[in-house]
Amino acid sequence: MNFLILEPEIDNFVFSFYCKRRKIFYHKKADMCRGLNTTQQEWQSCLKEIIDSFDINSYNAADTIVVIRVICGGTVFTAPEIVNCNTITKLEQLIPHAPLHMPGTIELVKACNNFFSSIPVLLVFGDTFFKSLPERERVYALNRTTADKIPRERYGLNGLVHQAACFYLWRILRQRFCNCQPGVISIHLGDFPEVVALKGSRAVMLSYPLPGETFSPETDPGIILTLAQEFNWGPEKLNKILTQKCGWYGLTGSKTDLSRIFKTDDNINALAQQVCRYQLLQSCAAGAAVAGRIDALVFSGRFCKAGNYLRYSLKQDLETALAGAKKDIYVDIYDQSYTAAVRDIADNYFVNY
């Protein structure tokens, strides 16, 4: 099976083609469109140029699937879905949830439906992995009047990569856990680090995001009010400070990322390393408690290689904490791009279709 993967963003558009039989993989940014500001007619011209850039017929077009990454599925889509006569209507219900993304995505889906008349188009959604989270894990503790004006449920930001990493881990450990539901901790080390605990294939806990490159999500709301009062800062200044000057930037004093933090062993990075290790340990231990057991850890994301610096100490600390259960925790790294994660999810979908 071959996959033509389309990944539209606000201001750019990336496409990839993967031929499973020949192990051929193309990945390219399309310069001929304006991202999600592109019209349906422009999308069709763009799709024609994409197809012309490689001879799809030589890869057996009849065995090709078009896959579109969609930012969210809300409560409308709970799994990947092949485009049908009802899909556009359902996508239109999601416009209030993602007003910047969904109109352009809908135009792309329409263009694909017209352009690829004989090729199935599969939609994969960034939040469906988190649909299995218990309500207690998703809901915000806001009063109902306030909550009715905003999305009332929280989801992670990296569901597609978490899901692909867990497929990858399950294939490796299938024999070992054939008679039970393993407890798995999925650690995404990217621009927005987060930890998810799974019981079998079901997500049961989502950590609050760990500090990122330039933001600190655990900031107490009271600090925001204090900053506004002490420095007379308005919303724009507060937003700039809290989203561009915090996180690893705030702890080290310069723009950095997880790979640099762990590669450079000096006093400046020492505190950032300690904060990262400590918060990961907290989140993993909480995940183990919710899942009831922990059998494996899997690292993924843009900075997954930093898992090589974390895996031994984190494994040791967790095994010490779970000594009574005599755990031997398996640790692995899913070192694949976001696009490859989308491909793996699509591949798994058709295997079980």
Protein backbone atom coordinates (compact mmCIF):
# COMPACT_ATOMS: atom_id res chain seq x y z
CA MET A 1 0.00 0.00 0.00
CA ASN A 2 1.16 3.55 -0.84
CA PHE A 3 0.34 6.72 1.06
CA LEU A 4 0.19 10.28 -0.23
CA ILE A 5 0.20 12.30 3.01
CA LEU A 6 -1.03 15.90 3.00
CA GLU A 7 -0.29 18.12 6.01
CA PRO A 8 -1.79 21.61 5.72
CA GLU A 9 -0.74 24.33 8.18
CA ILE A 10 -1.80 27.95 8.57
CA ASP A 11 0.96 29.31 6.34
CA ASN A 12 2.57 26.29 4.65
CA PHE A 13 1.80 22.90 3.19
CA VAL A 14 3.89 19.73 3.31
CA PHE A 15 3.25 16.60 1.28
CA SER A 16 4.88 13.18 1.44
CA PHE A 17 4.65 10.02 -0.62
CA TYR A 18 5.49 6.62 0.81
CA CYS A 19 5.69 3.42 -1.22
CA LYS A 20 5.61 0.57 1.28
CA ARG A 21 6.66 -2.16 -1.16
CA ARG A 22 9.69 -0.30 -2.47
CA LYS A 23 10.48 1.49 0.82
CA ILE A 24 10.56 4.81 -1.06
CA PHE A 25 9.75 7.99 0.83
CA TYR A 26 9.44 11.56 -0.53
CA HIS A 27 8.91 14.54 1.75
CA LYS A 28 8.65 18.08 0.45
CA LYS A 29 7.27 21.49 1.33
CA ALA A 30 4.92 22.73 -1.38
CA ASP A 31 5.80 26.29 -2.38
CA MET A 32 2.89 26.68 -4.76
CA CYS A 33 0.15 27.19 -2.19
CA ARG A 34 -0.66 29.54 0.71
CA GLY A 35 -1.30 26.97 3.40
CA LEU A 36 -4.82 26.97 4.81
CA ASN A 37 -5.60 30.27 3.06
CA THR A 38 -5.68 28.36 -0.25
CA THR A 39 -8.99 28.13 -2.14
CA GLN A 40 -10.46 24.88 -3.47
CA GLN A 41 -9.45 25.75 -7.04
CA GLU A 42 -5.91 26.60 -5.91
CA TRP A 43 -5.77 23.31 -3.99
CA GLN A 44 -6.62 21.39 -7.15
CA SER A 45 -3.82 23.13 -9.05
CA CYS A 46 -1.50 22.35 -6.18
CA LEU A 47 -2.52 18.68 -6.17
CA LYS A 48 -1.88 18.46 -9.91
CA GLU A 49 1.64 19.84 -9.45
CA ILE A 50 2.26 17.36 -6.63
CA ILE A 51 1.19 14.40 -8.78
CA ASP A 52 3.23 15.71 -11.72
CA SER A 53 6.32 15.88 -9.50
CA PHE A 54 6.44 12.07 -9.43
CA ASP A 55 4.82 9.42 -11.61
CA ILE A 56 2.18 7.99 -9.28
CA ASN A 57 1.10 5.40 -11.87
CA SER A 58 4.49 3.73 -11.65
CA TYR A 59 3.74 3.03 -7.98
CA ASN A 60 0.36 1.41 -8.68
CA ALA A 61 -2.22 4.18 -8.21
CA ALA A 62 -4.90 1.58 -7.48
CA ASP A 63 -3.05 0.71 -4.27
CA THR A 64 -2.62 4.31 -3.13
CA ILE A 65 -4.41 6.09 -0.27
CA VAL A 66 -4.54 9.87 0.25
CA VAL A 67 -4.16 10.77 3.94
CA ILE A 68 -4.97 14.26 5.26
CA ARG A 69 -3.89 15.35 8.74
CA VAL A 70 -6.66 17.37 10.43
CA ILE A 71 -5.93 19.37 13.57
CA CYS A 72 -8.93 18.09 15.55
CA GLY A 73 -12.00 15.88 15.33
CA GLY A 74 -13.78 17.17 18.43
CA THR A 75 -16.73 15.04 19.46
CA VAL A 76 -17.69 14.55 15.80
CA PHE A 77 -14.89 12.17 14.80
CA THR A 78 -13.69 9.55 17.27
CA ALA A 79 -11.41 7.66 14.86
CA PRO A 80 -9.83 8.07 11.41
CA GLU A 81 -12.49 8.22 8.70
CA ILE A 82 -12.60 7.69 4.95
CA VAL A 83 -14.22 10.68 3.25
CA ASN A 84 -17.85 10.03 2.28
CA CYS A 85 -20.95 12.03 1.41
CA ASN A 86 -21.44 13.13 5.05
CA THR A 87 -17.86 14.11 5.83
CA ILE A 88 -18.00 17.76 4.75
CA THR A 89 -21.12 18.41 6.84
CA LYS A 90 -19.44 16.86 9.86
CA LEU A 91 -16.23 18.88 9.31
CA GLU A 92 -18.26 22.10 9.14
CA GLN A 93 -19.46 21.43 12.70
CA LEU A 94 -15.83 21.78 13.84
CA ILE A 95 -15.27 25.30 12.47
CA PRO A 96 -16.06 26.96 15.86
CA HIS A 97 -13.42 24.70 17.49
CA ALA A 98 -10.66 25.61 15.03
CA PRO A 99 -11.78 28.66 12.99
CA LEU A 100 -8.29 29.28 11.56
CA HIS A 101 -7.72 25.69 10.43
CA MET A 102 -11.02 24.09 9.51
CA PRO A 103 -12.27 26.26 6.58
CA GLY A 104 -9.03 25.69 4.62
CA THR A 105 -8.99 22.01 5.57
CA ILE A 106 -12.54 21.62 4.27
CA GLU A 107 -11.52 23.20 0.95
CA LEU A 108 -8.60 20.75 0.73
CA VAL A 109 -10.89 17.77 1.42
CA LYS A 110 -13.30 18.94 -1.28
CA ALA A 111 -10.42 19.37 -3.75
CA CYS A 112 -9.06 15.89 -2.97
CA ASN A 113 -12.50 14.36 -3.33
CA ASN A 114 -12.81 15.87 -6.81
CA PHE A 115 -9.23 15.36 -7.93
CA PHE A 116 -8.76 11.80 -6.64
CA SER A 117 -12.11 10.46 -7.76
CA SER A 118 -11.01 6.79 -7.67
CA ILE A 119 -8.59 6.96 -4.70
CA PRO A 120 -9.81 6.73 -1.08
CA VAL A 121 -9.14 9.82 1.07
CA LEU A 122 -8.53 9.12 4.76
CA LEU A 123 -8.71 11.79 7.47
CA VAL A 124 -6.63 11.38 10.63
CA PHE A 125 -7.26 13.69 13.57
CA GLY A 126 -4.81 15.10 16.07
CA ASP A 127 -7.01 14.55 19.12
CA THR A 128 -8.69 11.16 18.62
CA PHE A 129 -5.97 9.38 20.61
CA PHE A 130 -7.24 11.19 23.71
CA LYS A 131 -10.91 10.25 23.30
CA SER A 132 -10.51 7.35 25.71
CA LEU A 133 -9.41 9.62 28.56
CA PRO A 134 -11.83 9.44 31.51
CA GLU A 135 -14.02 12.51 31.98
CA ARG A 136 -12.23 13.33 35.24
CA GLU A 137 -9.04 13.68 33.21
CA ARG A 138 -10.51 15.88 30.48
CA VAL A 139 -12.78 18.30 32.27
CA TYR A 140 -11.75 21.76 33.50
CA ALA A 141 -12.82 22.77 37.01
CA LEU A 142 -14.66 25.87 35.76
CA ASN A 143 -18.16 27.03 36.56
CA ARG A 144 -20.66 26.04 33.90
CA THR A 145 -21.45 29.60 32.79
CA THR A 146 -17.78 30.22 32.01
CA ALA A 147 -17.16 26.75 30.57
CA ASP A 148 -20.05 27.07 28.09
CA LYS A 149 -18.20 29.94 26.36
CA ILE A 150 -14.98 27.97 25.72
CA PRO A 151 -14.00 24.34 24.95
CA ARG A 152 -14.80 22.44 28.15
CA GLU A 153 -12.43 19.55 27.64
CA ARG A 154 -8.65 19.40 27.34
CA TYR A 155 -6.70 17.16 25.00
CA GLY A 156 -3.00 16.70 24.41
CA LEU A 157 -1.15 18.37 21.57
CA ASN A 158 0.76 15.36 20.21
CA GLY A 159 -1.82 12.60 19.93
CA LEU A 160 -0.73 11.33 16.52
CA VAL A 161 2.86 10.78 17.64
CA HIS A 162 1.81 9.21 20.96
CA GLN A 163 -0.47 6.84 19.06
CA ALA A 164 2.18 5.86 16.50
CA ALA A 165 4.80 5.36 19.24
CA CYS A 166 2.44 3.03 21.09
CA PHE A 167 1.70 1.03 17.90
CA TYR A 168 5.46 0.70 17.47
CA LEU A 169 5.96 -0.44 21.07
CA TRP A 170 3.05 -2.87 20.94
CA ARG A 171 4.50 -4.61 17.88
CA ILE A 172 7.76 -5.15 19.77
CA LEU A 173 6.16 -6.33 23.02
CA ARG A 174 3.21 -8.27 21.61
CA GLN A 175 4.52 -11.67 22.73
CA ARG A 176 5.57 -10.43 26.15
CA PHE A 177 2.15 -8.96 26.98
CA CYS A 178 -0.15 -11.22 25.00
CA ASN A 179 -2.25 -12.12 28.07
CA CYS A 180 -2.56 -8.74 29.77
CA GLN A 181 -3.05 -5.04 29.24
CA PRO A 182 0.41 -3.51 29.76
CA GLY A 183 0.87 -0.19 31.49
CA VAL A 184 2.70 2.09 29.07
CA ILE A 185 4.04 5.60 29.61
CA SER A 186 4.43 7.60 26.39
CA ILE A 187 6.79 10.58 26.77
CA HIS A 188 6.74 13.14 23.98
CA LEU A 189 9.85 15.33 23.97
CA GLY A 190 9.00 18.12 21.55
CA ASP A 191 8.24 21.81 21.56
CA PHE A 192 5.31 20.98 23.85
CA PRO A 193 6.52 18.06 26.04
CA GLU A 194 3.83 15.88 27.60
CA VAL A 195 3.33 12.47 29.19
CA VAL A 196 0.44 10.06 28.56
CA ALA A 197 -0.29 6.89 30.51
CA LEU A 198 -2.01 3.97 28.78
CA LYS A 199 -3.69 0.83 30.01
CA GLY A 200 -3.40 -1.45 27.03
CA SER A 201 -4.26 0.76 24.04
CA ARG A 202 -6.47 3.12 26.08
CA ALA A 203 -5.15 6.49 27.25
CA VAL A 204 -6.04 6.95 30.93
CA MET A 205 -3.93 9.95 32.01
CA LEU A 206 -2.60 13.09 30.35
CA SER A 207 -0.02 15.18 32.15
CA TYR A 208 -0.23 18.94 32.11
CA PRO A 209 2.38 20.11 29.59
CA LEU A 210 5.91 20.26 30.90
CA PRO A 211 7.98 23.44 30.40
CA GLY A 212 8.63 24.05 26.72
CA GLU A 213 11.26 26.03 24.86
CA THR A 214 9.72 29.41 25.67
CA PHE A 215 6.69 28.82 27.91
CA SER A 216 5.87 27.47 31.37
CA PRO A 217 2.36 25.97 31.43
CA GLU A 218 2.25 25.30 35.19
CA THR A 219 2.36 29.03 35.99
CA ASP A 220 0.00 29.96 38.84
CA PRO A 221 -2.76 32.34 37.61
CA GLY A 222 -1.93 34.56 40.59
CA ILE A 223 1.50 35.27 39.09
CA ILE A 224 -0.18 36.75 36.00
CA LEU A 225 -2.19 39.15 38.15
CA THR A 226 0.90 40.09 40.15
CA LEU A 227 2.92 40.81 37.00
CA ALA A 228 0.11 42.98 35.66
CA GLN A 229 -0.06 44.99 38.90
CA GLU A 230 3.68 45.31 39.63
CA PHE A 231 4.81 46.20 36.09
CA ASN A 232 1.56 47.63 34.71
CA TRP A 233 1.64 45.10 31.86
CA GLY A 234 -1.34 44.63 29.58
CA PRO A 235 -2.50 41.40 27.86
CA GLU A 236 -0.07 41.70 24.92
CA LYS A 237 2.99 42.15 27.14
CA LEU A 238 1.90 39.34 29.47
CA ASN A 239 1.33 37.03 26.52
CA LYS A 240 4.80 37.81 25.12
CA ILE A 241 6.54 37.18 28.45
CA LEU A 242 4.64 34.00 29.29
CA THR A 243 4.89 32.43 25.83
CA GLN A 244 8.26 33.69 24.57
CA LYS A 245 10.46 34.29 27.64
CA CYS A 246 9.63 31.39 30.00
CA GLY A 247 10.27 27.64 30.00
CA TRP A 248 13.79 26.52 29.13
CA TYR A 249 14.50 30.07 27.95
CA GLY A 250 13.60 31.40 31.40
CA LEU A 251 15.70 28.80 33.24
CA THR A 252 18.83 29.11 31.08
CA GLY A 253 18.64 32.74 29.97
CA SER A 254 18.85 31.95 26.25
CA LYS A 255 16.93 30.16 23.51
CA THR A 256 17.61 26.45 23.80
CA ASP A 257 15.92 23.06 23.54
CA LEU A 258 15.98 19.68 25.28
CA SER A 259 18.76 18.25 23.12
CA ARG A 260 21.10 21.14 23.97
CA ILE A 261 20.14 21.13 27.65
CA PHE A 262 21.27 17.52 28.07
CA LYS A 263 24.28 17.69 25.77
CA THR A 264 25.77 20.65 27.63
CA ASP A 265 26.72 19.79 31.20
CA ASP A 266 27.32 23.17 32.85
CA ASN A 267 25.86 25.22 35.69
CA ILE A 268 23.50 27.11 33.37
CA ASN A 269 21.80 23.92 32.16
CA ALA A 270 22.00 22.03 35.47
CA LEU A 271 18.77 23.48 36.87
CA ALA A 272 16.90 22.91 33.59
CA GLN A 273 18.08 19.27 33.60
CA GLN A 274 16.90 18.81 37.19
CA VAL A 275 13.50 20.38 36.46
CA CYS A 276 13.01 18.15 33.41
CA ARG A 277 14.00 14.94 35.20
CA TYR A 278 11.89 15.80 38.25
CA GLN A 279 8.74 16.71 36.34
CA LEU A 280 9.04 13.65 34.09
CA LEU A 281 9.41 11.43 37.17
CA GLN A 282 6.35 13.05 38.75
CA SER A 283 4.25 12.55 35.60
CA CYS A 284 5.41 8.96 35.03
CA ALA A 285 4.75 7.99 38.64
CA ALA A 286 1.28 9.52 38.46
CA GLY A 287 0.67 7.65 35.20
CA ALA A 288 1.77 4.38 36.81
CA ALA A 289 -0.66 4.94 39.67
CA VAL A 290 -3.58 5.64 37.30
CA ALA A 291 -2.77 2.76 34.92
CA GLY A 292 -2.24 0.40 37.85
CA ARG A 293 1.12 -0.80 36.54
CA ILE A 294 4.02 0.31 34.37
CA ASP A 295 5.68 -2.12 32.00
CA ALA A 296 7.25 0.11 29.37
CA LEU A 297 8.36 3.65 28.58
CA VAL A 298 8.54 5.02 25.05
CA PHE A 299 10.11 8.36 24.09
CA SER A 300 9.07 10.19 20.93
CA GLY A 301 9.07 13.67 19.45
CA ARG A 302 11.46 16.12 17.88
CA PHE A 303 13.96 15.79 20.74
CA CYS A 304 13.42 12.08 21.43
CA LYS A 305 17.21 11.53 21.35
CA ALA A 306 17.29 13.34 24.72
CA GLY A 307 15.62 10.16 25.97
CA ASN A 308 19.07 8.56 25.82
CA TYR A 309 20.12 10.92 28.63
CA LEU A 310 16.93 10.31 30.61
CA ARG A 311 16.09 6.65 30.11
CA TYR A 312 18.48 5.04 32.62
CA SER A 313 17.87 7.38 35.57
CA LEU A 314 14.11 7.53 34.95
CA LYS A 315 13.88 3.74 34.64
CA GLN A 316 15.95 3.28 37.80
CA ASP A 317 13.88 5.79 39.82
CA LEU A 318 10.61 4.24 38.73
CA GLU A 319 11.79 0.68 39.41
CA THR A 320 12.91 1.79 42.87
CA ALA A 321 9.51 3.35 43.53
CA LEU A 322 7.81 0.17 42.29
CA ALA A 323 10.23 -2.22 43.99
CA GLY A 324 7.42 -4.12 45.68
CA ALA A 325 6.05 -5.07 42.27
CA LYS A 326 9.49 -6.30 41.08
CA LYS A 327 9.21 -4.40 37.83
CA ASP A 328 11.64 -4.59 34.94
CA ILE A 329 10.54 -1.65 32.83
CA TYR A 330 11.20 -1.83 29.10
CA VAL A 331 12.39 1.46 27.56
CA ASP A 332 12.49 2.37 23.86
CA ILE A 333 12.62 5.39 21.55
CA TYR A 334 10.26 6.02 18.62
CA ASP A 335 12.57 8.10 16.43
CA GLN A 336 10.18 8.98 13.60
CA SER A 337 8.97 12.24 12.10
CA TYR A 338 5.44 13.56 12.56
CA THR A 339 4.73 12.58 8.96
CA ALA A 340 5.92 9.01 9.57
CA ALA A 341 3.63 8.85 12.60
CA VAL A 342 0.65 9.81 10.39
CA ARG A 343 1.70 7.11 7.89
CA ASP A 344 1.93 4.46 10.65
CA ILE A 345 -1.55 5.34 11.93
CA ALA A 346 -3.01 5.13 8.41
CA ASP A 347 -1.22 1.82 7.82
CA ASN A 348 -2.57 0.40 11.08
CA TYR A 349 -6.07 1.64 10.19
CA PHE A 350 -6.15 -0.32 6.93
CA VAL A 351 -4.62 -3.41 8.52
CA ASN A 352 -7.61 -3.51 10.89
CA TYR A 353 -10.15 -2.12 8.40
